[in-house]
Amino acid sequence: MKKSVTALILCGGKGERLRPLTESIPKPLVHVKGRPILSYLLDHIQKFGITDIVIAAGFKAEKIREFFSSHHRGLKVIIVDSGDVDIVERVKACAPHLDGDFILFYGDTLADVDLGKLQDFHYARGAQATITLYPLKSQFGLATLDDDANVTRFEEKPTLDRWINIGNFYYPREALSWMRDFSSYAAFLEFLGHEKKLKGYKHDGVHITVNTFRELEDAEQNIHEFVVNNTAGKQ
């Protein structure tokens, strides 16, 4: 990284679709192959020399504190418990601990994004804010029909020409002032897009998210690739 940044990690979600696993822990502490998702994410972040971490906690915040009492002690970690609120309110609550550029991560998502290249892209494009995007992969086979209802083409779970939000938002500190008038993060992102203040950085590597038990099973199968890629070329 050419410029120091702080990692802001969203760890306040309830993970209701993963119950009973998340009845007693927040979603980022759900285990994949014996380790919390959050632990994998912190390893990835630290690979790029980022050691200042702000945790935007909420649901079961005390479990996050317990985790850091015995893990990843080499990091400078600040935990902010903002309760059960929208993402934008969590970010606002963390604002006093964000002195410069920061990258906003989802605590339930792993992607082997090159954070150095993300930063380079942000500045090379003169971006005011940058979102990391991933190609949308259909869960279904798609058929193409002609005018006589003949199936002329069939694709099994293709990758579509659309892009999904996977977090890894690169922001300058002044972005915090832009959020003041918004009560939802979705509305804030819509504003950035409408005002052409948001650039999209395309990622085509590993992407793992854990919202459901099906996704947790996929994560168990694919986590090795993330770990190998995260280890290769470690800085």
Foldseek 3Di string as FASTA:
>chain_A
DVDAAEEEEEFADQLVQAPPQRVQHTQQQDDFPRGGLQQLVVLLVCLVVHQHYEYLYAPNQVVVVVCCVPPPVVGRYHYDYPYPAAPLVSVLSCLVVGDWKYFYAYSQKDDNDPLVVVVVVCVVVVAQKEFEKEFDWAPAKDFDADPVRDGPDIGGRHGDPDIDTRGRMIHTSCVNVLSPVDRHVVVSVVVCVVVVRYHYHYDYGDMQGDSHVVSSVVCNVCVVVSVVSSPPPRD
